[in-house]
Amino acid sequence: MAPLYKLLTVALTVAALGATASCQSTTSGGAVGADRQQFLLVSSEQLNQMAAKAYNQLQAESAKKGTLNTDPALTKRVRAIATRITPQTRVFRADAPGWKWEVNTITSKQLNAFCMPGGKIMFYSGLIQNLKLSDDEIAVIMGHEIAHALREHSREQVSQAMAAQATIGIGAALLGLGDLTANLASTAYEALIATRFSRSDESEADRIGLELSARAGYDPRAGVTLWKKMLSASQGGNPPELLSTHPAEGRRIEQIESLLPTVMPLYEATRQGR
């Protein structure tokens, strides 16, 4: 058994990591109440710079391959939806409408879309064309992806990973464990803890995203038809990238249906105001 003082040292190290972290909520709650406290070790600026660099690199590589914004009509369509949604981000973050938003498309069979930290959005043509998405359904996806950026889920997960790796490394050294044991501990963290956090983030993004699309005047009921299409695609042997480590589609549909009484009035108010 390891000496007691070593166990105490590990415990104190873990406590110190938690004490130095910034615990805050990156967004206001909105109508859907998304305002939990988050564990954050890295700054928004650091992650935004990394995201901008990665996004620029992706654009450069796609342009070289001849796949960046090759369908002008599709790109225009996605950007028009973003133009309506991004101003609504002020409900959750006062600074978000002023972000350096970018919206582009890539011609690819991949069923994928994302929004990097800082508002860098990319849609893959396969997602829209293969699933024959309506504007309302695109808006639900876009709202979901923007929600990840608003809530800074990437920043949160990087912080969690940093804390876990630091604890694993220090603990392994202090307790006299070999590299293999430390690696196994790290793998266990990735497989269990990180996946659980990811699913929690996905559910949270569904909630925020549905409100964003509704406030932008897109029918939130499209969330139900969207995930039914996603479910059909996954059963067809070509699962969308968006389904990776996400909650079961049935649960997502149930959550969306439970939120409709909250977000439908926001949608109707927008329609009446036009």
Protein backbone atom coordinates (compact mmCIF):
# COMPACT_ATOMS: atom_id res chain seq x y z
CA MET A 1 0.00 0.00 0.00
CA ALA A 2 1.28 3.47 -0.82
CA PRO A 3 2.39 5.60 2.14
CA LEU A 4 -0.34 7.82 3.55
CA TYR A 5 1.60 11.01 2.88
CA LYS A 6 1.71 10.20 -0.85
CA LEU A 7 -2.04 9.67 -0.96
CA LEU A 8 -2.55 12.96 0.85
CA THR A 9 -0.26 14.72 -1.62
CA VAL A 10 -2.29 13.42 -4.54
CA ALA A 11 -5.50 14.54 -2.87
CA LEU A 12 -4.07 18.01 -2.22
CA THR A 13 -2.90 18.25 -5.84
CA VAL A 14 -6.37 17.46 -7.12
CA ALA A 15 -7.87 20.01 -4.74
CA ALA A 16 -5.40 22.65 -5.90
CA LEU A 17 -6.36 22.13 -9.53
CA GLY A 18 -9.99 22.67 -8.64
CA ALA A 19 -9.22 25.75 -6.56
CA THR A 20 -7.26 27.47 -9.34
CA ALA A 21 -9.91 26.80 -11.97
CA SER A 22 -12.47 29.42 -12.86
CA CYS A 23 -15.98 28.19 -12.08
CA GLN A 24 -18.53 30.24 -13.94
CA SER A 25 -21.37 30.01 -16.41
CA THR A 26 -20.37 31.14 -19.89
CA THR A 27 -23.97 31.92 -20.90
CA SER A 28 -27.17 33.29 -19.49
CA GLY A 29 -29.91 30.72 -19.06
CA GLY A 30 -32.33 31.82 -21.76
CA ALA A 31 -35.83 30.38 -21.75
CA VAL A 32 -34.41 26.83 -21.63
CA GLY A 33 -32.35 27.49 -18.48
CA ALA A 34 -28.80 26.71 -19.64
CA ASP A 35 -26.77 28.42 -16.94
CA ARG A 36 -24.90 25.75 -14.97
CA GLN A 37 -21.43 26.40 -13.52
CA GLN A 38 -18.46 25.24 -15.62
CA PHE A 39 -14.91 24.15 -14.79
CA LEU A 40 -12.55 26.30 -16.88
CA LEU A 41 -8.74 26.30 -16.80
CA VAL A 42 -7.87 27.85 -20.18
CA SER A 43 -8.89 31.25 -21.51
CA SER A 44 -11.39 31.89 -24.30
CA GLU A 45 -8.73 33.86 -26.17
CA GLN A 46 -6.35 30.90 -26.27
CA LEU A 47 -8.95 28.54 -27.65
CA ASN A 48 -10.37 31.07 -30.11
CA GLN A 49 -6.90 31.65 -31.58
CA MET A 50 -6.36 27.92 -31.96
CA ALA A 51 -9.80 27.52 -33.56
CA ALA A 52 -9.23 30.37 -36.03
CA LYS A 53 -5.92 28.83 -37.08
CA ALA A 54 -7.48 25.39 -37.55
CA TYR A 55 -10.42 26.87 -39.47
CA ASN A 56 -8.13 28.80 -41.81
CA GLN A 57 -6.09 25.68 -42.41
CA LEU A 58 -9.24 23.68 -43.22
CA GLN A 59 -10.35 26.35 -45.67
CA ALA A 60 -6.94 26.42 -47.35
CA GLU A 61 -6.84 22.64 -47.69
CA SER A 62 -10.41 22.53 -49.01
CA ALA A 63 -9.71 25.33 -51.50
CA LYS A 64 -6.67 23.43 -52.74
CA LYS A 65 -8.85 20.34 -53.27
CA GLY A 66 -11.49 22.44 -55.01
CA THR A 67 -14.21 21.66 -52.45
CA LEU A 68 -14.61 25.01 -50.63
CA ASN A 69 -17.83 26.91 -51.43
CA THR A 70 -18.14 25.24 -54.82
CA ASP A 71 -21.95 25.39 -54.68
CA PRO A 72 -22.76 29.13 -54.51
CA ALA A 73 -26.49 28.55 -53.99
CA LEU A 74 -25.89 26.21 -51.06
CA THR A 75 -23.36 28.56 -49.48
CA LYS A 76 -25.74 31.50 -49.87
CA ARG A 77 -28.53 29.46 -48.29
CA VAL A 78 -26.49 28.48 -45.24
CA ARG A 79 -25.15 32.01 -44.77
CA ALA A 80 -28.67 33.46 -44.95
CA ILE A 81 -29.76 31.16 -42.13
CA ALA A 82 -26.71 32.13 -40.07
CA THR A 83 -27.50 35.82 -40.62
CA ARG A 84 -30.84 35.30 -38.87
CA ILE A 85 -29.53 33.11 -36.06
CA THR A 86 -26.32 34.85 -34.97
CA PRO A 87 -28.04 38.05 -33.72
CA GLN A 88 -30.14 35.86 -31.40
CA THR A 89 -27.01 34.73 -29.58
CA ARG A 90 -27.26 37.94 -27.51
CA VAL A 91 -29.93 36.18 -25.42
CA PHE A 92 -27.24 33.86 -24.09
CA ARG A 93 -24.11 36.05 -24.44
CA ALA A 94 -24.00 39.82 -24.89
CA ASP A 95 -20.64 39.62 -26.66
CA ALA A 96 -21.53 36.86 -29.14
CA PRO A 97 -23.20 38.95 -31.89
CA GLY A 98 -19.90 40.82 -32.21
CA TRP A 99 -17.82 37.70 -32.76
CA LYS A 100 -15.96 37.34 -36.07
CA TRP A 101 -18.51 34.91 -37.49
CA GLU A 102 -17.56 32.96 -40.60
CA VAL A 103 -19.81 30.60 -42.54
CA ASN A 104 -18.58 28.33 -45.32
CA THR A 105 -19.48 25.05 -46.99
CA ILE A 106 -17.47 22.08 -48.15
CA THR A 107 -18.56 19.79 -50.96
CA SER A 108 -18.32 16.36 -49.39
CA LYS A 109 -20.40 13.24 -48.82
CA GLN A 110 -19.80 13.60 -45.09
CA LEU A 111 -22.93 14.21 -43.02
CA ASN A 112 -21.33 16.81 -40.83
CA ALA A 113 -21.39 20.42 -39.61
CA PHE A 114 -19.68 22.29 -36.80
CA CYS A 115 -19.09 25.67 -35.21
CA MET A 116 -15.62 26.18 -33.78
CA PRO A 117 -14.94 28.43 -30.77
CA GLY A 118 -15.35 32.06 -31.72
CA GLY A 119 -18.05 31.45 -34.35
CA LYS A 120 -16.34 29.57 -37.20
CA ILE A 121 -19.11 27.61 -38.94
CA MET A 122 -18.72 24.89 -41.58
CA PHE A 123 -21.44 22.82 -43.24
CA TYR A 124 -20.77 19.79 -45.45
CA SER A 125 -22.96 19.50 -48.52
CA GLY A 126 -23.69 15.82 -47.91
CA LEU A 127 -25.55 16.61 -44.71
CA ILE A 128 -27.96 18.97 -46.43
CA GLN A 129 -28.34 17.19 -49.74
CA ASN A 130 -28.38 13.54 -48.65
CA LEU A 131 -30.90 14.18 -45.88
CA LYS A 132 -32.85 16.68 -48.00
CA LEU A 133 -32.89 19.19 -45.16
CA SER A 134 -35.34 22.08 -45.06
CA ASP A 135 -34.20 25.53 -43.94
CA ASP A 136 -35.86 24.89 -40.58
CA GLU A 137 -33.88 21.68 -40.14
CA ILE A 138 -30.62 23.37 -41.16
CA ALA A 139 -31.40 26.08 -38.61
CA VAL A 140 -31.86 23.49 -35.84
CA ILE A 141 -28.46 21.99 -36.65
CA MET A 142 -26.82 25.40 -36.90
CA GLY A 143 -28.35 26.51 -33.61
CA HIS A 144 -27.06 23.33 -31.99
CA GLU A 145 -23.52 23.83 -33.30
CA ILE A 146 -23.50 27.53 -32.37
CA ALA A 147 -24.64 26.53 -28.89
CA HIS A 148 -21.42 24.53 -28.45
CA ALA A 149 -19.45 27.70 -29.17
CA LEU A 150 -21.60 29.88 -26.90
CA ARG A 151 -21.27 27.48 -24.00
CA GLU A 152 -17.57 26.99 -24.78
CA HIS A 153 -17.87 23.24 -24.51
CA SER A 154 -14.47 22.79 -26.18
CA ARG A 155 -12.86 25.03 -23.57
CA GLU A 156 -14.60 23.11 -20.82
CA GLN A 157 -13.52 19.72 -22.13
CA VAL A 158 -9.93 20.87 -22.67
CA SER A 159 -9.92 22.07 -19.05
CA GLN A 160 -11.29 18.76 -17.82
CA ALA A 161 -8.71 16.84 -19.83
CA MET A 162 -5.89 19.04 -18.54
CA ALA A 163 -6.95 18.48 -14.95
CA ALA A 164 -7.33 14.74 -15.47
CA GLN A 165 -3.97 14.35 -17.20
CA ALA A 166 -2.21 16.40 -14.54
CA THR A 167 -3.77 14.35 -11.77
CA ILE A 168 -3.02 11.05 -13.51
CA GLY A 169 0.60 12.02 -14.17
CA ILE A 170 1.29 13.33 -10.69
CA GLY A 171 -0.55 10.48 -9.05
CA ALA A 172 1.32 7.85 -11.07
CA ALA A 173 4.69 9.40 -10.16
CA LEU A 174 3.91 9.80 -6.47
CA LEU A 175 2.40 6.35 -6.08
CA GLY A 176 5.23 4.67 -7.97
CA LEU A 177 3.06 3.45 -10.85
CA GLY A 178 4.57 2.61 -14.19
CA ASP A 179 3.81 4.32 -17.50
CA LEU A 180 1.50 1.47 -18.50
CA THR A 181 -0.72 2.02 -15.46
CA ALA A 182 -0.82 5.75 -16.08
CA ASN A 183 -1.70 5.19 -19.74
CA LEU A 184 -4.49 2.84 -18.77
CA ALA A 185 -5.86 5.42 -16.37
CA SER A 186 -5.74 8.02 -19.12
CA THR A 187 -7.52 5.69 -21.55
CA ALA A 188 -10.21 4.99 -18.97
CA TYR A 189 -10.77 8.70 -18.53
CA GLU A 190 -11.16 9.24 -22.28
CA ALA A 191 -13.50 6.28 -22.69
CA LEU A 192 -15.74 6.93 -19.70
CA ILE A 193 -15.56 10.43 -18.28
CA ALA A 194 -14.99 12.37 -21.51
CA THR A 195 -17.78 10.50 -23.28
CA ARG A 196 -20.21 11.25 -20.49
CA PHE A 197 -19.32 14.93 -20.57
CA SER A 198 -19.74 14.95 -24.32
CA ARG A 199 -23.24 13.52 -24.12
CA SER A 200 -24.15 16.08 -21.48
CA ASP A 201 -22.84 18.84 -23.73
CA GLU A 202 -24.86 17.52 -26.65
CA SER A 203 -28.09 17.60 -24.68
CA GLU A 204 -27.29 21.13 -23.53
CA ALA A 205 -26.56 22.23 -27.10
CA ASP A 206 -29.87 20.75 -28.24
CA ARG A 207 -31.70 22.92 -25.70
CA ILE A 208 -29.89 26.16 -26.51
CA GLY A 209 -29.91 25.49 -30.24
CA LEU A 210 -33.64 24.93 -30.33
CA GLU A 211 -34.23 28.28 -28.64
CA LEU A 212 -31.84 30.05 -31.03
CA SER A 213 -33.57 28.68 -34.12
CA ALA A 214 -37.02 29.50 -32.71
CA ARG A 215 -36.03 33.09 -31.90
CA ALA A 216 -34.66 33.40 -35.45
CA GLY A 217 -38.08 32.47 -36.84
CA TYR A 218 -37.38 28.84 -37.73
CA ASP A 219 -39.92 26.21 -36.72
CA PRO A 220 -38.47 24.29 -33.74
CA ARG A 221 -40.69 21.33 -34.58
CA ALA A 222 -38.15 20.69 -37.33
CA GLY A 223 -35.95 19.25 -34.59
CA VAL A 224 -38.21 16.20 -34.49
CA THR A 225 -38.15 15.62 -38.26
CA LEU A 226 -34.40 16.27 -38.32
CA TRP A 227 -33.53 13.60 -35.79
CA LYS A 228 -35.87 11.12 -37.42
CA LYS A 229 -33.86 11.66 -40.62
CA MET A 230 -30.64 11.24 -38.66
CA LEU A 231 -31.96 8.00 -37.20
CA SER A 232 -32.82 6.68 -40.66
CA ALA A 233 -29.35 7.61 -41.92
CA SER A 234 -27.65 5.80 -39.03
CA GLN A 235 -29.72 2.66 -39.63
CA GLY A 236 -28.73 2.79 -43.27
CA GLY A 237 -25.11 2.09 -42.35
CA ASN A 238 -23.89 5.64 -42.96
CA PRO A 239 -24.16 7.32 -39.53
CA PRO A 240 -23.80 11.11 -39.56
CA GLU A 241 -20.68 12.50 -37.89
CA LEU A 242 -23.07 14.51 -35.73
CA LEU A 243 -24.19 11.31 -34.01
CA SER A 244 -20.73 10.50 -32.62
CA THR A 245 -21.02 10.03 -28.82
CA HIS A 246 -24.37 11.82 -28.91
CA PRO A 247 -27.44 10.84 -26.90
CA ALA A 248 -29.74 8.26 -28.46
CA GLU A 249 -31.94 9.83 -31.11
CA GLY A 250 -35.07 8.70 -29.28
CA ARG A 251 -34.00 10.65 -26.21
CA ARG A 252 -33.19 13.69 -28.30
CA ILE A 253 -36.63 13.63 -29.86
CA GLU A 254 -38.23 13.30 -26.43
CA GLN A 255 -36.24 16.26 -25.14
CA ILE A 256 -37.15 18.40 -28.15
CA GLU A 257 -40.82 17.54 -27.76
CA SER A 258 -40.66 18.44 -24.07
CA LEU A 259 -39.15 21.84 -24.95
CA LEU A 260 -41.71 22.75 -27.62
CA PRO A 261 -44.14 24.36 -25.15
CA THR A 262 -41.26 26.66 -24.11
CA VAL A 263 -39.86 27.57 -27.53
CA MET A 264 -42.97 27.57 -29.75
CA PRO A 265 -44.19 30.89 -28.28
CA LEU A 266 -40.80 32.42 -29.18
CA TYR A 267 -41.20 31.17 -32.75
CA GLU A 268 -44.77 32.42 -33.01
CA ALA A 269 -43.81 35.84 -31.63
CA THR A 270 -41.13 36.15 -34.29
CA ARG A 271 -43.57 35.23 -37.04
CA GLN A 272 -46.13 37.75 -35.82
CA GLY A 273 -43.49 40.48 -35.67
CA ARG A 274 -42.67 40.18 -39.37
